[in-house]
Amino acid sequence: MFIYTMRRLNLFVITLLILTMIGYSILRLDPESLWTSQPFWAGWVAYLQTLFTGHLGLNQQGMPIWYEVAAAFPATLELCFFAFALSLLIGIPLGTLAGIKRGQFIDTAISSVTLVGYSIPLFWLAILLIMVFSLELGWLPVSGRYSLLYEIDQQTGVALIDVMLSDKPYRAEALMDVIRHLALPTFVLAMAPTTEVIRLTRSSVSDVMNQNFIKVAQTKGLSMFEIISRHILRNAIPPIIPKLGMQFSTMMTFAMLTESIFNWPGIGRWLLDAISAQNYVAIQAGVITVGSFILIANILSDLTGAFVNPLVRKEWYAIK
């Protein structure tokens, strides 16, 4: 496990250095930037030194851009976390059912619905849900994180946690308001990952169902619930953990469009505003922050998958 971890960390460092080159190159696109006048490699080394101190640059008001990133990034994490949790809650049971009933009608139905869900454009689904549940039925709000009627102190940047930590007399009403605002963007952002989770789980469960120990368990008279909980999920989930981590990373890119549609004050919408304003300092700060988070999420999912699945470590040991 130590060798596997060191190899993943080496790959993480190399990829992170490439990411810093991209961020540095973005800063050099600004003709008025001080980085443009420096030689590339010498300027890149100086840029790395500033990053190691936690300095991502200054905004147009002369304040550290990190404060803007810290204010926007928790909103994106909150949205992605609940969307990813929803995709797992829906995708793993449906994928398991489709894998167990492979080739039968229920497998065909789940696979067909999955294909349709994967093919639906995200922006079209978002607009459709807004028209139905917000404009027509009036059940859910159109945009934002919470109503302007409630004053919520920003302690963690995560709206649900901030509301629960609040001592306001309207805390219960504010909590329901935050949940209502979170419902539509969470469902929209979870659509594509859910279809992928169903596909991955179905494929893994189908492979496990063909193993001899499943047939032995069936001949022993174990119930289907015991077979699923003791044998199928225990052997089907570990191989797909790294791929599930990649799905969480992919959600960060989908979050940009989702935040733009629902006016969600996250890092995605903040980056789009920076691009439209040609704010190169903000763009590189967002790229470095989001890219670093995606790299960390991927390496953590790989290490977790290797920890629960020794076959992954054996594959790395075989590489000379």
C-alpha atoms as a PDB file:
ATOM      1  CA  MET A   1       0.000   0.000   0.000  1.00  0.00           C
ATOM      2  CA  PHE A   2       2.924   2.333   0.736  1.00  0.00           C
ATOM      3  CA  ILE A   3       4.386   1.902  -2.746  1.00  0.00           C
ATOM      4  CA  TYR A   4       1.003   2.431  -4.352  1.00  0.00           C
ATOM      5  CA  THR A   5       0.436   5.580  -2.286  1.00  0.00           C
ATOM      6  CA  MET A   6       3.847   7.011  -3.191  1.00  0.00           C
ATOM      7  CA  ARG A   7       3.215   6.412  -6.895  1.00  0.00           C
ATOM      8  CA  ARG A   8      -0.121   8.174  -6.710  1.00  0.00           C
ATOM      9  CA  LEU A   9       1.427  11.084  -4.811  1.00  0.00           C
ATOM     10  CA  ASN A  10       4.179  11.408  -7.427  1.00  0.00           C
ATOM     11  CA  LEU A  11       1.550  11.517 -10.169  1.00  0.00           C
ATOM     12  CA  PHE A  12      -0.378  14.092  -8.141  1.00  0.00           C
ATOM     13  CA  VAL A  13       2.669  16.348  -7.804  1.00  0.00           C
ATOM     14  CA  ILE A  14       3.491  16.138 -11.527  1.00  0.00           C
ATOM     15  CA  THR A  15      -0.098  16.916 -12.524  1.00  0.00           C
ATOM     16  CA  LEU A  16      -0.226  19.776 -10.033  1.00  0.00           C
ATOM     17  CA  LEU A  17       2.918  21.305 -11.528  1.00  0.00           C
ATOM     18  CA  ILE A  18       1.336  21.138 -14.982  1.00  0.00           C
ATOM     19  CA  LEU A  19      -1.741  22.843 -13.539  1.00  0.00           C
ATOM     20  CA  THR A  20       0.405  25.669 -12.176  1.00  0.00           C
ATOM     21  CA  MET A  21       1.897  26.134 -15.647  1.00  0.00           C
ATOM     22  CA  ILE A  22      -1.626  26.589 -17.001  1.00  0.00           C
ATOM     23  CA  GLY A  23      -2.459  29.132 -14.303  1.00  0.00           C
ATOM     24  CA  TYR A  24       0.800  30.992 -14.924  1.00  0.00           C
ATOM     25  CA  SER A  25       0.154  31.029 -18.682  1.00  0.00           C
ATOM     26  CA  ILE A  26      -3.294  32.539 -18.059  1.00  0.00           C
ATOM     27  CA  LEU A  27      -1.724  35.408 -16.139  1.00  0.00           C
ATOM     28  CA  ARG A  28       0.694  36.030 -19.015  1.00  0.00           C
ATOM     29  CA  LEU A  29      -2.264  36.567 -21.362  1.00  0.00           C
ATOM     30  CA  ASP A  30      -2.825  39.949 -19.720  1.00  0.00           C
ATOM     31  CA  PRO A  31      -0.531  42.431 -21.509  1.00  0.00           C
ATOM     32  CA  GLU A  32      -0.522  44.662 -18.423  1.00  0.00           C
ATOM     33  CA  SER A  33       0.506  41.881 -16.052  1.00  0.00           C
ATOM     34  CA  LEU A  34       3.957  41.949 -14.452  1.00  0.00           C
ATOM     35  CA  TRP A  35       4.344  38.253 -15.242  1.00  0.00           C
ATOM     36  CA  THR A  36       4.377  39.017 -18.990  1.00  0.00           C
ATOM     37  CA  SER A  37       7.665  40.884 -18.808  1.00  0.00           C
ATOM     38  CA  GLN A  38       9.515  38.004 -17.139  1.00  0.00           C
ATOM     39  CA  PRO A  39      11.124  34.980 -18.839  1.00  0.00           C
ATOM     40  CA  PHE A  40       8.751  32.041 -18.787  1.00  0.00           C
ATOM     41  CA  TRP A  41      10.681  29.594 -16.601  1.00  0.00           C
ATOM     42  CA  ALA A  42      12.056  32.173 -14.179  1.00  0.00           C
ATOM     43  CA  GLY A  43       8.612  33.713 -13.847  1.00  0.00           C
ATOM     44  CA  TRP A  44       7.048  30.276 -13.322  1.00  0.00           C
ATOM     45  CA  VAL A  45       9.419  29.547 -10.443  1.00  0.00           C
ATOM     46  CA  ALA A  46       8.526  32.899  -8.873  1.00  0.00           C
ATOM     47  CA  TYR A  47       4.841  32.109  -9.438  1.00  0.00           C
ATOM     48  CA  LEU A  48       5.254  28.781  -7.607  1.00  0.00           C
ATOM     49  CA  GLN A  49       6.795  30.588  -4.670  1.00  0.00           C
ATOM     50  CA  THR A  50       3.794  32.898  -4.427  1.00  0.00           C
ATOM     51  CA  LEU A  51       1.416  29.930  -4.582  1.00  0.00           C
ATOM     52  CA  PHE A  52       3.257  28.180  -1.752  1.00  0.00           C
ATOM     53  CA  THR A  53       2.540  31.208   0.427  1.00  0.00           C
ATOM     54  CA  GLY A  54      -1.180  30.954  -0.396  1.00  0.00           C
ATOM     55  CA  HIS A  55      -1.195  34.102  -2.528  1.00  0.00           C
ATOM     56  CA  LEU A  56      -3.361  33.817  -5.651  1.00  0.00           C
ATOM     57  CA  GLY A  57      -3.181  37.460  -6.682  1.00  0.00           C
ATOM     58  CA  LEU A  58      -5.132  40.645  -6.052  1.00  0.00           C
ATOM     59  CA  ASN A  59      -8.559  41.634  -7.318  1.00  0.00           C
ATOM     60  CA  GLN A  60      -9.402  44.924  -8.970  1.00  0.00           C
ATOM     61  CA  GLN A  61      -9.857  46.557  -5.561  1.00  0.00           C
ATOM     62  CA  GLY A  62      -6.366  45.510  -4.454  1.00  0.00           C
ATOM     63  CA  MET A  63      -7.643  42.841  -2.037  1.00  0.00           C
ATOM     64  CA  PRO A  64      -6.437  39.217  -2.095  1.00  0.00           C
ATOM     65  CA  ILE A  65      -8.469  37.248  -4.613  1.00  0.00           C
ATOM     66  CA  TRP A  66      -8.472  34.349  -2.157  1.00  0.00           C
ATOM     67  CA  TYR A  67     -11.307  35.985  -0.194  1.00  0.00           C
ATOM     68  CA  GLU A  68     -13.564  35.845  -3.254  1.00  0.00           C
ATOM     69  CA  VAL A  69     -12.627  32.210  -3.902  1.00  0.00           C
ATOM     70  CA  ALA A  70     -13.261  31.284  -0.261  1.00  0.00           C
ATOM     71  CA  ALA A  71     -16.679  32.936  -0.423  1.00  0.00           C
ATOM     72  CA  ALA A  72     -17.784  31.187  -3.634  1.00  0.00           C
ATOM     73  CA  PHE A  73     -16.200  27.733  -3.391  1.00  0.00           C
ATOM     74  CA  PRO A  74     -18.218  26.408  -0.378  1.00  0.00           C
ATOM     75  CA  ALA A  75     -21.463  27.039  -2.273  1.00  0.00           C
ATOM     76  CA  THR A  76     -20.218  24.831  -5.120  1.00  0.00           C
ATOM     77  CA  LEU A  77     -19.060  22.133  -2.703  1.00  0.00           C
ATOM     78  CA  GLU A  78     -22.464  22.147  -1.020  1.00  0.00           C
ATOM     79  CA  LEU A  79     -24.279  21.740  -4.326  1.00  0.00           C
ATOM     80  CA  CYS A  80     -21.911  19.030  -5.604  1.00  0.00           C
ATOM     81  CA  PHE A  81     -21.992  17.100  -2.323  1.00  0.00           C
ATOM     82  CA  PHE A  82     -25.770  16.781  -2.222  1.00  0.00           C
ATOM     83  CA  ALA A  83     -25.970  16.050  -5.948  1.00  0.00           C
ATOM     84  CA  PHE A  84     -23.337  13.319  -5.604  1.00  0.00           C
ATOM     85  CA  ALA A  85     -25.097  11.853  -2.560  1.00  0.00           C
ATOM     86  CA  LEU A  86     -28.380  11.821  -4.488  1.00  0.00           C
ATOM     87  CA  SER A  87     -26.734  10.087  -7.445  1.00  0.00           C
ATOM     88  CA  LEU A  88     -25.386   7.363  -5.130  1.00  0.00           C
ATOM     89  CA  LEU A  89     -28.706   6.898  -3.323  1.00  0.00           C
ATOM     90  CA  ILE A  90     -30.509   6.417  -6.626  1.00  0.00           C
ATOM     91  CA  GLY A  91     -27.788   4.926  -8.812  1.00  0.00           C
ATOM     92  CA  ILE A  92     -26.435   2.114  -6.618  1.00  0.00           C
ATOM     93  CA  PRO A  93     -29.817   0.467  -5.830  1.00  0.00           C
ATOM     94  CA  LEU A  94     -31.037   0.748  -9.433  1.00  0.00           C
ATOM     95  CA  GLY A  95     -27.709  -0.434 -10.824  1.00  0.00           C
ATOM     96  CA  THR A  96     -27.689  -3.370  -8.412  1.00  0.00           C
ATOM     97  CA  LEU A  97     -31.243  -4.315  -9.386  1.00  0.00           C
ATOM     98  CA  ALA A  98     -30.409  -4.095 -13.089  1.00  0.00           C
ATOM     99  CA  GLY A  99     -27.277  -6.206 -12.607  1.00  0.00           C
ATOM    100  CA  ILE A 100     -29.135  -8.911 -10.694  1.00  0.00           C
ATOM    101  CA  LYS A 101     -31.996  -8.965 -13.206  1.00  0.00           C
ATOM    102  CA  ARG A 102     -29.695  -8.689 -16.238  1.00  0.00           C
ATOM    103  CA  GLY A 103     -31.373  -9.559 -19.501  1.00  0.00           C
ATOM    104  CA  GLN A 104     -34.856  -9.312 -17.999  1.00  0.00           C
ATOM    105  CA  PHE A 105     -37.521  -6.674 -18.528  1.00  0.00           C
ATOM    106  CA  ILE A 106     -36.585  -4.615 -15.453  1.00  0.00           C
ATOM    107  CA  ASP A 107     -32.963  -4.477 -16.612  1.00  0.00           C
ATOM    108  CA  THR A 108     -34.062  -3.269 -20.024  1.00  0.00           C
ATOM    109  CA  ALA A 109     -36.366  -0.659 -18.487  1.00  0.00           C
ATOM    110  CA  ILE A 110     -33.676   0.716 -16.159  1.00  0.00           C
ATOM    111  CA  SER A 111     -31.093   0.778 -18.952  1.00  0.00           C
ATOM    112  CA  SER A 112     -33.501   2.577 -21.268  1.00  0.00           C
ATOM    113  CA  VAL A 113     -34.374   5.213 -18.687  1.00  0.00           C
ATOM    114  CA  THR A 114     -30.675   5.627 -17.938  1.00  0.00           C
ATOM    115  CA  LEU A 115     -29.890   6.188 -21.602  1.00  0.00           C
ATOM    116  CA  VAL A 116     -32.648   8.780 -21.884  1.00  0.00           C
ATOM    117  CA  GLY A 117     -31.450  10.558 -18.744  1.00  0.00           C
ATOM    118  CA  TYR A 118     -27.882  10.615 -20.008  1.00  0.00           C
ATOM    119  CA  SER A 119     -28.996  12.053 -23.357  1.00  0.00           C
ATOM    120  CA  ILE A 120     -31.044  14.931 -21.910  1.00  0.00           C
ATOM    121  CA  PRO A 121     -29.150  18.240 -22.164  1.00  0.00           C
ATOM    122  CA  LEU A 122     -28.570  19.701 -18.732  1.00  0.00           C
ATOM    123  CA  PHE A 123     -29.694  23.208 -19.623  1.00  0.00           C
ATOM    124  CA  TRP A 124     -32.903  21.896 -21.225  1.00  0.00           C
ATOM    125  CA  LEU A 125     -33.747  19.833 -18.140  1.00  0.00           C
ATOM    126  CA  ALA A 126     -33.070  22.796 -15.855  1.00  0.00           C
ATOM    127  CA  ILE A 127     -35.314  25.126 -17.840  1.00  0.00           C
ATOM    128  CA  LEU A 128     -38.074  22.496 -18.013  1.00  0.00           C
ATOM    129  CA  LEU A 129     -38.024  21.938 -14.243  1.00  0.00           C
ATOM    130  CA  ILE A 130     -38.072  25.677 -13.596  1.00  0.00           C
ATOM    131  CA  MET A 131     -41.095  26.091 -15.860  1.00  0.00           C
ATOM    132  CA  VAL A 132     -43.000  23.240 -14.184  1.00  0.00           C
ATOM    133  CA  PHE A 133     -42.107  23.407 -10.481  1.00  0.00           C
ATOM    134  CA  SER A 134     -41.331  27.122 -10.145  1.00  0.00           C
ATOM    135  CA  LEU A 135     -43.385  29.070 -12.679  1.00  0.00           C
ATOM    136  CA  GLU A 136     -46.381  26.749 -13.168  1.00  0.00           C
ATOM    137  CA  LEU A 137     -46.826  25.055  -9.776  1.00  0.00           C
ATOM    138  CA  GLY A 138     -44.970  27.561  -7.618  1.00  0.00           C
ATOM    139  CA  TRP A 139     -43.571  24.842  -5.357  1.00  0.00           C
ATOM    140  CA  LEU A 140     -39.886  25.717  -5.592  1.00  0.00           C
ATOM    141  CA  PRO A 141     -37.957  28.984  -6.061  1.00  0.00           C
ATOM    142  CA  VAL A 142     -36.383  29.862  -9.378  1.00  0.00           C
ATOM    143  CA  SER A 143     -32.870  30.823  -8.277  1.00  0.00           C
ATOM    144  CA  GLY A 144     -30.530  31.681  -5.437  1.00  0.00           C
ATOM    145  CA  ARG A 145     -29.494  29.863  -2.239  1.00  0.00           C
ATOM    146  CA  TYR A 146     -32.113  31.308   0.092  1.00  0.00           C
ATOM    147  CA  SER A 147     -34.678  34.067   0.256  1.00  0.00           C
ATOM    148  CA  LEU A 148     -33.597  37.635   0.931  1.00  0.00           C
ATOM    149  CA  LEU A 149     -36.116  37.711   3.776  1.00  0.00           C
ATOM    150  CA  TYR A 150     -33.700  35.718   5.934  1.00  0.00           C
ATOM    151  CA  GLU A 151     -30.422  37.069   7.237  1.00  0.00           C
ATOM    152  CA  ILE A 152     -27.954  34.177   7.566  1.00  0.00           C
ATOM    153  CA  ASP A 153     -24.514  34.734   9.049  1.00  0.00           C
ATOM    154  CA  GLN A 154     -21.768  33.233   6.872  1.00  0.00           C
ATOM    155  CA  GLN A 155     -19.755  31.069   9.256  1.00  0.00           C
ATOM    156  CA  THR A 156     -18.766  28.079   7.120  1.00  0.00           C
ATOM    157  CA  GLY A 157     -20.020  29.171   3.694  1.00  0.00           C
ATOM    158  CA  VAL A 158     -22.338  26.139   3.553  1.00  0.00           C
ATOM    159  CA  ALA A 159     -25.880  27.447   3.791  1.00  0.00           C
ATOM    160  CA  LEU A 160     -27.398  24.423   5.535  1.00  0.00           C
ATOM    161  CA  ILE A 161     -24.708  24.373   8.215  1.00  0.00           C
ATOM    162  CA  ASP A 162     -24.830  28.147   8.675  1.00  0.00           C
ATOM    163  CA  VAL A 163     -28.589  28.020   9.207  1.00  0.00           C
ATOM    164  CA  MET A 164     -28.317  25.222  11.771  1.00  0.00           C
ATOM    165  CA  LEU A 165     -25.573  27.134  13.618  1.00  0.00           C
ATOM    166  CA  SER A 166     -27.653  30.301  13.596  1.00  0.00           C
ATOM    167  CA  ASP A 167     -29.518  31.475  16.698  1.00  0.00           C
ATOM    168  CA  LYS A 168     -32.113  33.436  14.751  1.00  0.00           C
ATOM    169  CA  PRO A 169     -35.756  32.953  15.768  1.00  0.00           C
ATOM    170  CA  TYR A 170     -36.665  32.007  12.192  1.00  0.00           C
ATOM    171  CA  ARG A 171     -34.048  29.251  11.923  1.00  0.00           C
ATOM    172  CA  ALA A 172     -36.561  26.488  11.108  1.00  0.00           C
ATOM    173  CA  GLU A 173     -38.193  28.560   8.366  1.00  0.00           C
ATOM    174  CA  ALA A 174     -34.794  29.525   6.948  1.00  0.00           C
ATOM    175  CA  LEU A 175     -33.712  25.877   6.908  1.00  0.00           C
ATOM    176  CA  MET A 176     -36.755  24.861   4.875  1.00  0.00           C
ATOM    177  CA  ASP A 177     -36.145  27.790   2.545  1.00  0.00           C
ATOM    178  CA  VAL A 178     -32.544  26.683   1.947  1.00  0.00           C
ATOM    179  CA  ILE A 179     -33.696  23.117   1.225  1.00  0.00           C
ATOM    180  CA  ARG A 180     -36.298  24.372  -1.257  1.00  0.00           C
ATOM    181  CA  HIS A 181     -33.677  26.448  -3.063  1.00  0.00           C
ATOM    182  CA  LEU A 182     -31.319  23.475  -3.112  1.00  0.00           C
ATOM    183  CA  ALA A 183     -33.828  20.977  -4.553  1.00  0.00           C
ATOM    184  CA  LEU A 184     -33.905  21.882  -8.268  1.00  0.00           C
ATOM    185  CA  PRO A 185     -30.181  22.542  -8.882  1.00  0.00           C
ATOM    186  CA  THR A 186     -29.287  19.382  -6.930  1.00  0.00           C
ATOM    187  CA  PHE A 187     -31.599  17.229  -9.039  1.00  0.00           C
ATOM    188  CA  VAL A 188     -30.362  18.750 -12.298  1.00  0.00           C
ATOM    189  CA  LEU A 189     -26.693  18.369 -11.371  1.00  0.00           C
ATOM    190  CA  ALA A 190     -27.244  14.792 -10.186  1.00  0.00           C
ATOM    191  CA  MET A 191     -28.848  13.604 -13.430  1.00  0.00           C
ATOM    192  CA  ALA A 192     -25.716  12.786 -15.458  1.00  0.00           C
ATOM    193  CA  PRO A 193     -23.726  11.225 -12.558  1.00  0.00           C
ATOM    194  CA  THR A 194     -26.731   9.111 -11.581  1.00  0.00           C
ATOM    195  CA  THR A 195     -26.912   7.512 -15.016  1.00  0.00           C
ATOM    196  CA  GLU A 196     -23.173   6.782 -14.885  1.00  0.00           C
ATOM    197  CA  VAL A 197     -23.422   5.294 -11.393  1.00  0.00           C
ATOM    198  CA  ILE A 198     -26.232   3.022 -12.590  1.00  0.00           C
ATOM    199  CA  ARG A 199     -24.135   1.882 -15.540  1.00  0.00           C
ATOM    200  CA  LEU A 200     -21.007   1.231 -13.467  1.00  0.00           C
ATOM    201  CA  THR A 201     -22.907  -0.586 -10.721  1.00  0.00           C
ATOM    202  CA  ARG A 202     -24.839  -2.717 -13.182  1.00  0.00           C
ATOM    203  CA  SER A 203     -21.665  -3.788 -14.964  1.00  0.00           C
ATOM    204  CA  SER A 204     -19.851  -4.607 -11.734  1.00  0.00           C
ATOM    205  CA  VAL A 205     -22.808  -6.487 -10.243  1.00  0.00           C
ATOM    206  CA  SER A 206     -23.208  -8.491 -13.464  1.00  0.00           C
ATOM    207  CA  ASP A 207     -19.572  -9.581 -13.245  1.00  0.00           C
ATOM    208  CA  VAL A 208     -19.991 -10.611  -9.609  1.00  0.00           C
ATOM    209  CA  MET A 209     -23.163 -12.571 -10.392  1.00  0.00           C
ATOM    210  CA  ASN A 210     -21.138 -14.809 -12.709  1.00  0.00           C
ATOM    211  CA  GLN A 211     -18.689 -15.787  -9.965  1.00  0.00           C
ATOM    212  CA  ASN A 212     -18.791 -19.262  -8.436  1.00  0.00           C
ATOM    213  CA  PHE A 213     -19.184 -18.046  -4.838  1.00  0.00           C
ATOM    214  CA  ILE A 214     -22.549 -16.517  -5.757  1.00  0.00           C
ATOM    215  CA  LYS A 215     -23.731 -19.877  -7.062  1.00  0.00           C
ATOM    216  CA  VAL A 216     -22.472 -21.547  -3.885  1.00  0.00           C
ATOM    217  CA  ALA A 217     -24.359 -19.015  -1.764  1.00  0.00           C
ATOM    218  CA  GLN A 218     -27.527 -19.715  -3.742  1.00  0.00           C
ATOM    219  CA  THR A 219     -27.175 -23.476  -3.274  1.00  0.00           C
ATOM    220  CA  LYS A 220     -26.763 -22.957   0.483  1.00  0.00           C
ATOM    221  CA  GLY A 221     -30.266 -21.497   0.574  1.00  0.00           C
ATOM    222  CA  LEU A 222     -29.283 -17.941   1.504  1.00  0.00           C
ATOM    223  CA  SER A 223     -31.945 -15.331   0.897  1.00  0.00           C
ATOM    224  CA  MET A 224     -31.487 -12.790  -1.877  1.00  0.00           C
ATOM    225  CA  PHE A 225     -31.071 -10.028   0.711  1.00  0.00           C
ATOM    226  CA  GLU A 226     -28.225 -11.955   2.382  1.00  0.00           C
ATOM    227  CA  ILE A 227     -26.564 -12.648  -0.954  1.00  0.00           C
ATOM    228  CA  ILE A 228     -26.762  -8.983  -1.948  1.00  0.00           C
ATOM    229  CA  SER A 229     -25.527  -7.581   1.378  1.00  0.00           C
ATOM    230  CA  ARG A 230     -22.855 -10.192   2.139  1.00  0.00           C
ATOM    231  CA  HIS A 231     -21.487 -11.057  -1.278  1.00  0.00           C
ATOM    232  CA  ILE A 232     -22.672  -8.931  -4.199  1.00  0.00           C
ATOM    233  CA  LEU A 233     -22.245  -5.386  -2.891  1.00  0.00           C
ATOM    234  CA  ARG A 234     -19.121  -6.263  -0.911  1.00  0.00           C
ATOM    235  CA  ASN A 235     -17.411  -7.402  -4.114  1.00  0.00           C
ATOM    236  CA  ALA A 236     -19.080  -5.091  -6.656  1.00  0.00           C
ATOM    237  CA  ILE A 237     -18.632  -1.682  -5.000  1.00  0.00           C
ATOM    238  CA  PRO A 238     -14.816  -1.582  -4.338  1.00  0.00           C
ATOM    239  CA  PRO A 239     -13.759  -1.843  -8.030  1.00  0.00           C
ATOM    240  CA  ILE A 240     -15.906   1.147  -9.019  1.00  0.00           C
ATOM    241  CA  ILE A 241     -14.890   3.495  -6.176  1.00  0.00           C
ATOM    242  CA  PRO A 242     -12.137   5.221  -8.227  1.00  0.00           C
ATOM    243  CA  LYS A 243     -14.596   5.712 -11.090  1.00  0.00           C
ATOM    244  CA  LEU A 244     -17.154   7.153  -8.685  1.00  0.00           C
ATOM    245  CA  GLY A 245     -14.525   9.640  -7.547  1.00  0.00           C
ATOM    246  CA  MET A 246     -14.065  10.699 -11.149  1.00  0.00           C
ATOM    247  CA  GLN A 247     -17.810  11.310 -11.381  1.00  0.00           C
ATOM    248  CA  PHE A 248     -17.594  13.690  -8.442  1.00  0.00           C
ATOM    249  CA  SER A 249     -14.815  15.530 -10.248  1.00  0.00           C
ATOM    250  CA  THR A 250     -16.879  15.712 -13.432  1.00  0.00           C
ATOM    251  CA  MET A 251     -19.693  17.326 -11.473  1.00  0.00           C
ATOM    252  CA  MET A 252     -17.483  20.366 -10.924  1.00  0.00           C
ATOM    253  CA  THR A 253     -17.623  21.102 -14.654  1.00  0.00           C
ATOM    254  CA  PHE A 254     -21.393  20.558 -14.835  1.00  0.00           C
ATOM    255  CA  ALA A 255     -21.753  22.823 -11.796  1.00  0.00           C
ATOM    256  CA  MET A 256     -20.624  25.830 -13.838  1.00  0.00           C
ATOM    257  CA  LEU A 257     -23.643  25.567 -16.136  1.00  0.00           C
ATOM    258  CA  THR A 258     -26.018  24.666 -13.311  1.00  0.00           C
ATOM    259  CA  GLU A 259     -24.933  27.641 -11.217  1.00  0.00           C
ATOM    260  CA  SER A 260     -25.344  29.944 -14.175  1.00  0.00           C
ATOM    261  CA  ILE A 261     -28.924  28.790 -14.814  1.00  0.00           C
ATOM    262  CA  PHE A 262     -30.055  28.865 -11.180  1.00  0.00           C
ATOM    263  CA  ASN A 263     -28.040  31.968 -10.252  1.00  0.00           C
ATOM    264  CA  TRP A 264     -26.209  29.894  -7.641  1.00  0.00           C
ATOM    265  CA  PRO A 265     -23.373  31.958  -6.105  1.00  0.00           C
ATOM    266  CA  GLY A 266     -20.662  29.332  -6.496  1.00  0.00           C
ATOM    267  CA  ILE A 267     -17.216  29.135  -8.024  1.00  0.00           C
ATOM    268  CA  GLY A 268     -18.654  28.159 -11.414  1.00  0.00           C
ATOM    269  CA  ARG A 269     -20.744  31.286 -11.844  1.00  0.00           C
ATOM    270  CA  TRP A 270     -17.901  33.341 -10.388  1.00  0.00           C
ATOM    271  CA  LEU A 271     -15.540  31.924 -13.014  1.00  0.00           C
ATOM    272  CA  LEU A 272     -17.980  32.639 -15.830  1.00  0.00           C
ATOM    273  CA  ASP A 273     -18.252  36.245 -14.648  1.00  0.00           C
ATOM    274  CA  ALA A 274     -14.448  36.464 -14.540  1.00  0.00           C
ATOM    275  CA  ILE A 275     -14.176  35.108 -18.086  1.00  0.00           C
ATOM    276  CA  SER A 276     -16.735  37.566 -19.425  1.00  0.00           C
ATOM    277  CA  ALA A 277     -14.847  40.422 -17.710  1.00  0.00           C
ATOM    278  CA  GLN A 278     -11.462  39.068 -18.892  1.00  0.00           C
ATOM    279  CA  ASN A 279     -10.237  39.097 -15.303  1.00  0.00           C
ATOM    280  CA  TYR A 280      -7.149  36.928 -15.740  1.00  0.00           C
ATOM    281  CA  VAL A 281      -6.206  36.974 -12.055  1.00  0.00           C
ATOM    282  CA  ALA A 282      -9.611  35.613 -11.074  1.00  0.00           C
ATOM    283  CA  ILE A 283      -9.545  33.051 -13.896  1.00  0.00           C
ATOM    284  CA  GLN A 284      -6.186  31.617 -12.842  1.00  0.00           C
ATOM    285  CA  ALA A 285      -7.264  31.598  -9.191  1.00  0.00           C
ATOM    286  CA  GLY A 286     -10.397  29.652 -10.083  1.00  0.00           C
ATOM    287  CA  VAL A 287      -8.503  27.240 -12.327  1.00  0.00           C
ATOM    288  CA  ILE A 288      -5.897  26.543  -9.637  1.00  0.00           C
ATOM    289  CA  THR A 289      -8.523  26.090  -6.922  1.00  0.00           C
ATOM    290  CA  VAL A 290     -10.913  23.879  -8.891  1.00  0.00           C
ATOM    291  CA  GLY A 291      -8.094  21.915 -10.525  1.00  0.00           C
ATOM    292  CA  SER A 292      -6.388  21.253  -7.187  1.00  0.00           C
ATOM    293  CA  PHE A 293      -9.657  20.106  -5.654  1.00  0.00           C
ATOM    294  CA  ILE A 294     -10.331  17.732  -8.548  1.00  0.00           C
ATOM    295  CA  LEU A 295      -6.834  16.268  -8.252  1.00  0.00           C
ATOM    296  CA  ILE A 296      -7.259  15.760  -4.509  1.00  0.00           C
ATOM    297  CA  ALA A 297     -10.670  14.139  -4.999  1.00  0.00           C
ATOM    298  CA  ASN A 298      -9.258  11.761  -7.609  1.00  0.00           C
ATOM    299  CA  ILE A 299      -6.271  10.691  -5.531  1.00  0.00           C
ATOM    300  CA  LEU A 300      -8.432  10.159  -2.444  1.00  0.00           C
ATOM    301  CA  SER A 301     -10.851   7.993  -4.424  1.00  0.00           C
ATOM    302  CA  ASP A 302      -7.940   6.006  -5.890  1.00  0.00           C
ATOM    303  CA  LEU A 303      -6.397   5.437  -2.460  1.00  0.00           C
ATOM    304  CA  THR A 304      -9.752   4.490  -0.985  1.00  0.00           C
ATOM    305  CA  GLY A 305     -10.390   2.070  -3.843  1.00  0.00           C
ATOM    306  CA  ALA A 306      -6.932   0.525  -3.419  1.00  0.00           C
ATOM    307  CA  PHE A 307      -7.430   0.206   0.331  1.00  0.00           C
ATOM    308  CA  VAL A 308     -10.664  -1.784  -0.036  1.00  0.00           C
ATOM    309  CA  ASN A 309      -9.629  -3.583  -3.242  1.00  0.00           C
ATOM    310  CA  PRO A 310      -6.185  -5.261  -3.048  1.00  0.00           C
ATOM    311  CA  LEU A 311      -6.351  -6.275  -6.720  1.00  0.00           C
ATOM    312  CA  VAL A 312      -5.653  -2.651  -7.677  1.00  0.00           C
ATOM    313  CA  ARG A 313      -2.411  -2.656  -5.705  1.00  0.00           C
ATOM    314  CA  LYS A 314      -1.341  -5.903  -7.351  1.00  0.00           C
ATOM    315  CA  GLU A 315      -1.770  -4.308 -10.777  1.00  0.00           C
ATOM    316  CA  TRP A 316       0.596  -1.499  -9.784  1.00  0.00           C
ATOM    317  CA  TYR A 317       3.123  -3.924  -8.339  1.00  0.00           C
ATOM    318  CA  ALA A 318       3.169  -5.713 -11.700  1.00  0.00           C
ATOM    319  CA  ILE A 319       4.305  -2.509 -13.450  1.00  0.00           C
ATOM    320  CA  LYS A 320       8.100  -2.352 -13.545  1.00  0.00           C
END
